[in-house]
Amino acid sequence: MQNKKTTEHPFSILSRQAYEVFAQLGFEIVVGPELETEWYNFDALNVPKDHPARDMQDTFWIKDSVGKVLRTHTTCTAGRAIERALKEDRFPSAFISVGKVFRNEATDATHEMQFFQIDGIMVGEKKDGISLANLKGVLSQFYKKMLGEEIEVEFRPSFFPFTEPSLEVHTKWKGKWLEMMGAGMLHPKVLQNLGLDPEKYQGFAFGGGLDRIAMIKWGVPDVRIFYQGDLRLNQF
């Protein structure tokens, strides 16, 4: 009988490994639609109407389907999960999602128009003490589990409309720093949009490409290789 591991695509392997790591950290797996509404993809996450990400150059809008887009991230899946947690009155809650996302941009060695993204969110009442230190601890643990204890992880200040304060997460690759994901404490407006009182609740969110983890883990020089249908990739 053929060994199952020899027939899996790298992203299947990494998705499973990522879920295992986050499950150990108390995260629940959630999934969501690839065809998403403008509300969950942009509005709920405090992305203004005039934000460049809404432009046709960045987002695939669906013809003759007003307000529908191919999701540009999987944070919208986490947002839906938080709404369900509110209805079920179960906080603190943490959710993780891995899925395909789409962005209308030029391709190169580290960018593709479609790629796999991992997104997570953790929310609780302020008395639960969910903080930026918790976020850094979770992500440091994740990358060390995925890429080895020796991996260097760096957090840099940044800006995203859905988090405040915001961070970029970088890891060292081929002697250079490579941006892996964006993260930060949830913006009060995002909490409000998801039905939570920002005076009572707080939390963090993060999201980044699974593809770049694969590049570092297996020394793949060009992200486009993963999407060429070459069955030799199923060697991992």
Protein backbone atom coordinates (compact mmCIF):
# COMPACT_ATOMS: atom_id res chain seq x y z
CA MET A 1 0.00 0.00 0.00
CA GLN A 2 1.33 3.43 -0.94
CA ASN A 3 2.27 5.68 1.97
CA LYS A 4 -0.35 8.40 2.28
CA LYS A 5 2.26 11.03 3.11
CA THR A 6 3.84 10.67 -0.32
CA THR A 7 0.61 11.70 -2.03
CA GLU A 8 -0.21 14.86 -0.09
CA HIS A 9 0.32 18.35 -1.46
CA PRO A 10 2.57 20.61 0.68
CA PHE A 11 -0.37 22.87 1.57
CA SER A 12 -2.39 19.91 2.81
CA ILE A 13 0.49 18.91 5.05
CA LEU A 14 1.01 22.44 6.37
CA SER A 15 -2.70 23.02 6.94
CA ARG A 16 -2.92 19.92 9.09
CA GLN A 17 0.23 20.82 11.01
CA ALA A 18 -0.99 24.37 11.61
CA TYR A 19 -4.32 23.13 12.90
CA GLU A 20 -2.53 20.75 15.26
CA VAL A 21 -0.37 23.56 16.67
CA PHE A 22 -3.26 25.93 17.21
CA ALA A 23 -5.50 23.20 18.63
CA GLN A 24 -2.86 22.69 21.31
CA LEU A 25 -3.07 26.42 22.02
CA GLY A 26 -6.84 26.26 22.49
CA PHE A 27 -8.04 27.41 19.06
CA GLU A 28 -11.12 25.94 17.38
CA ILE A 29 -11.09 25.22 13.63
CA VAL A 30 -13.63 27.12 11.51
CA VAL A 31 -14.32 27.36 7.77
CA GLY A 32 -16.19 29.83 5.60
CA PRO A 33 -17.21 30.59 2.00
CA GLU A 34 -14.72 31.61 -0.67
CA LEU A 35 -17.46 33.74 -2.28
CA GLU A 36 -17.91 36.34 0.44
CA THR A 37 -20.05 39.41 1.06
CA GLU A 38 -18.60 42.91 1.01
CA TRP A 39 -19.76 43.28 4.62
CA TYR A 40 -17.69 40.43 6.06
CA ASN A 41 -14.72 40.97 3.74
CA PHE A 42 -14.43 44.74 4.22
CA ASP A 43 -17.10 46.63 6.19
CA ALA A 44 -17.11 44.54 9.34
CA LEU A 45 -13.32 44.79 9.47
CA ASN A 46 -13.33 48.59 9.40
CA VAL A 47 -11.98 48.82 5.84
CA PRO A 48 -13.39 52.14 4.53
CA LYS A 49 -15.22 52.49 1.23
CA ASP A 50 -12.30 54.42 -0.32
CA HIS A 51 -9.63 51.91 0.80
CA PRO A 52 -7.34 50.81 -2.10
CA ALA A 53 -8.06 47.14 -1.31
CA ARG A 54 -11.60 47.63 -2.63
CA ASP A 55 -10.31 48.70 -6.03
CA MET A 56 -10.66 46.26 -8.94
CA GLN A 57 -6.84 46.08 -9.03
CA ASP A 58 -6.82 44.28 -5.68
CA THR A 59 -10.18 42.55 -5.39
CA PHE A 60 -12.10 40.22 -7.69
CA TRP A 61 -15.68 41.52 -7.69
CA ILE A 62 -18.38 39.23 -9.02
CA LYS A 63 -20.16 40.50 -12.13
CA ASP A 64 -23.95 40.84 -11.74
CA SER A 65 -23.69 39.95 -8.01
CA VAL A 66 -23.78 43.22 -6.11
CA GLY A 67 -21.71 43.18 -2.94
CA LYS A 68 -20.08 39.80 -3.61
CA VAL A 69 -16.31 39.25 -3.85
CA LEU A 70 -13.81 36.44 -3.91
CA ARG A 71 -12.52 36.73 -0.35
CA THR A 72 -9.18 38.51 -0.02
CA HIS A 73 -8.43 36.93 3.38
CA THR A 74 -9.92 34.41 5.78
CA THR A 75 -10.35 36.86 8.66
CA CYS A 76 -13.98 37.08 7.55
CA THR A 77 -14.35 33.45 8.61
CA ALA A 78 -13.09 34.31 12.09
CA GLY A 79 -15.52 37.24 12.22
CA ARG A 80 -18.44 34.96 11.51
CA ALA A 81 -17.22 32.62 14.27
CA ILE A 82 -17.11 35.46 16.81
CA GLU A 83 -20.71 36.34 15.99
CA ARG A 84 -21.71 32.74 16.69
CA ALA A 85 -19.74 32.74 19.95
CA LEU A 86 -21.66 35.84 21.02
CA LYS A 87 -25.00 34.18 20.33
CA GLU A 88 -23.88 31.13 22.29
CA ASP A 89 -22.38 33.27 25.08
CA ARG A 90 -19.05 31.47 25.13
CA PHE A 91 -16.10 33.74 25.77
CA PRO A 92 -13.16 33.72 25.78
CA SER A 93 -13.06 32.05 22.36
CA ALA A 94 -10.30 31.48 19.83
CA PHE A 95 -10.70 30.40 16.21
CA ILE A 96 -8.31 29.44 13.42
CA SER A 97 -8.98 29.04 9.70
CA VAL A 98 -6.88 28.03 6.69
CA GLY A 99 -8.26 28.57 3.21
CA LYS A 100 -7.74 29.84 -0.31
CA VAL A 101 -7.95 33.60 -0.88
CA PHE A 102 -7.79 35.73 -4.03
CA ARG A 103 -6.18 39.07 -4.88
CA ASN A 104 -5.93 40.72 -8.28
CA GLU A 105 -2.22 41.52 -8.25
CA ALA A 106 0.94 40.88 -10.25
CA THR A 107 2.67 37.59 -9.56
CA ASP A 108 6.32 37.10 -8.67
CA ALA A 109 8.46 34.72 -6.62
CA THR A 110 6.67 35.57 -3.35
CA HIS A 111 3.20 36.65 -4.61
CA GLU A 112 0.32 34.90 -6.39
CA MET A 113 -3.22 35.90 -7.36
CA GLN A 114 -4.52 32.98 -5.33
CA PHE A 115 -2.85 31.62 -2.25
CA PHE A 116 -3.60 29.94 1.05
CA GLN A 117 -3.93 32.09 4.14
CA ILE A 118 -4.07 31.25 7.82
CA ASP A 119 -6.14 33.55 10.01
CA GLY A 120 -6.81 33.49 13.71
CA ILE A 121 -8.71 35.47 16.30
CA MET A 122 -9.02 35.39 20.08
CA VAL A 123 -11.61 37.43 21.96
CA GLY A 124 -12.72 37.61 25.57
CA GLU A 125 -13.91 39.99 28.22
CA LYS A 126 -11.31 42.51 29.37
CA LYS A 127 -11.03 40.68 32.68
CA ASP A 128 -9.69 37.68 30.73
CA GLY A 129 -6.55 39.70 30.01
CA ILE A 130 -6.09 38.88 26.31
CA SER A 131 -3.18 41.14 25.36
CA LEU A 132 -0.54 41.96 22.77
CA ALA A 133 1.89 39.84 24.79
CA ASN A 134 -0.47 36.85 24.35
CA LEU A 135 -0.52 37.48 20.59
CA LYS A 136 3.27 37.58 20.35
CA GLY A 137 3.54 34.43 22.44
CA VAL A 138 1.03 32.54 20.28
CA LEU A 139 2.70 33.52 17.00
CA SER A 140 6.23 32.87 18.26
CA GLN A 141 5.16 29.40 19.36
CA PHE A 142 3.44 28.78 16.02
CA TYR A 143 6.46 29.63 13.88
CA LYS A 144 8.86 27.71 16.10
CA LYS A 145 6.63 24.63 15.83
CA MET A 146 6.27 25.00 12.07
CA LEU A 147 9.80 26.07 11.12
CA GLY A 148 12.01 24.90 13.98
CA GLU A 149 13.15 26.30 17.31
CA GLU A 150 16.01 28.18 15.65
CA ILE A 151 13.73 30.34 13.46
CA GLU A 152 14.09 34.06 14.08
CA VAL A 153 10.80 35.95 14.50
CA GLU A 154 10.56 39.73 14.57
CA PHE A 155 7.56 41.97 15.32
CA ARG A 156 7.44 45.42 13.72
CA PRO A 157 4.94 48.28 14.19
CA SER A 158 2.53 48.69 11.29
CA PHE A 159 -0.98 49.88 10.40
CA PHE A 160 -4.10 47.94 9.46
CA PRO A 161 -7.65 49.34 9.61
CA PHE A 162 -8.93 46.37 11.63
CA THR A 163 -6.29 46.38 14.41
CA GLU A 164 -4.86 48.97 16.80
CA PRO A 165 -2.03 48.67 17.66
CA SER A 166 -0.91 46.72 14.58
CA LEU A 167 2.14 44.55 13.94
CA GLU A 168 3.92 42.94 11.01
CA VAL A 169 5.44 39.55 11.69
CA HIS A 170 8.74 38.76 9.93
CA THR A 171 10.95 35.67 9.87
CA LYS A 172 14.51 35.30 8.59
CA TRP A 173 14.82 33.57 5.19
CA LYS A 174 18.04 33.28 3.19
CA GLY A 175 19.63 35.90 5.40
CA LYS A 176 16.81 38.40 4.80
CA TRP A 177 13.64 39.25 6.69
CA LEU A 178 10.43 38.11 4.98
CA GLU A 179 7.04 39.47 6.00
CA MET A 180 4.81 36.55 7.03
CA MET A 181 1.61 38.09 8.35
CA GLY A 182 -0.16 41.09 9.82
CA ALA A 183 -1.54 41.11 13.34
CA GLY A 184 -2.68 43.27 16.22
CA MET A 185 -5.32 44.02 18.82
CA LEU A 186 -8.81 44.23 17.37
CA HIS A 187 -9.96 47.76 16.59
CA PRO A 188 -12.93 48.85 18.75
CA LYS A 189 -14.94 49.46 15.57
CA VAL A 190 -14.44 45.84 14.49
CA LEU A 191 -15.69 44.63 17.87
CA GLN A 192 -18.77 46.84 17.49
CA ASN A 193 -19.42 45.54 13.98
CA LEU A 194 -19.34 41.97 15.30
CA GLY A 195 -21.86 42.85 18.00
CA LEU A 196 -19.45 43.23 20.92
CA ASP A 197 -19.12 46.12 23.36
CA PRO A 198 -15.50 47.39 23.10
CA GLU A 199 -15.78 48.64 26.67
CA LYS A 200 -16.29 45.04 27.79
CA TYR A 201 -14.42 42.91 25.23
CA GLN A 202 -10.98 42.89 23.66
CA GLY A 203 -8.92 40.51 21.58
CA PHE A 204 -6.39 40.04 18.81
CA ALA A 205 -6.33 38.82 15.23
CA PHE A 206 -3.66 37.73 12.77
CA GLY A 207 -3.44 36.59 9.17
CA GLY A 208 -0.77 35.61 6.67
CA GLY A 209 0.19 33.33 3.84
CA LEU A 210 0.71 29.61 4.29
CA ASP A 211 2.66 29.65 1.02
CA ARG A 212 5.60 31.53 2.51
CA ILE A 213 5.85 29.05 5.37
CA ALA A 214 6.14 26.29 2.75
CA MET A 215 8.86 28.22 0.91
CA ILE A 216 10.96 28.50 4.06
CA LYS A 217 10.24 25.01 5.36
CA TRP A 218 11.20 23.20 2.15
CA GLY A 219 13.47 25.71 0.45
CA VAL A 220 11.12 26.34 -2.48
CA PRO A 221 12.48 29.42 -4.33
CA ASP A 222 9.29 30.52 -6.10
CA VAL A 223 5.73 30.42 -4.73
CA ARG A 224 4.32 29.96 -8.24
CA ILE A 225 5.72 26.43 -8.32
CA PHE A 226 2.96 25.33 -5.93
CA TYR A 227 0.25 26.17 -8.48
CA GLN A 228 1.68 24.61 -11.66
CA GLY A 229 0.02 21.21 -11.24
CA ASP A 230 3.36 19.39 -11.13
CA LEU A 231 2.74 16.05 -9.40
CA ARG A 232 6.37 15.96 -8.29
CA LEU A 233 5.30 18.35 -5.54
CA ASN A 234 3.51 15.41 -3.89
CA GLN A 235 6.81 14.17 -2.48
CA PHE A 236 6.57 15.79 0.92
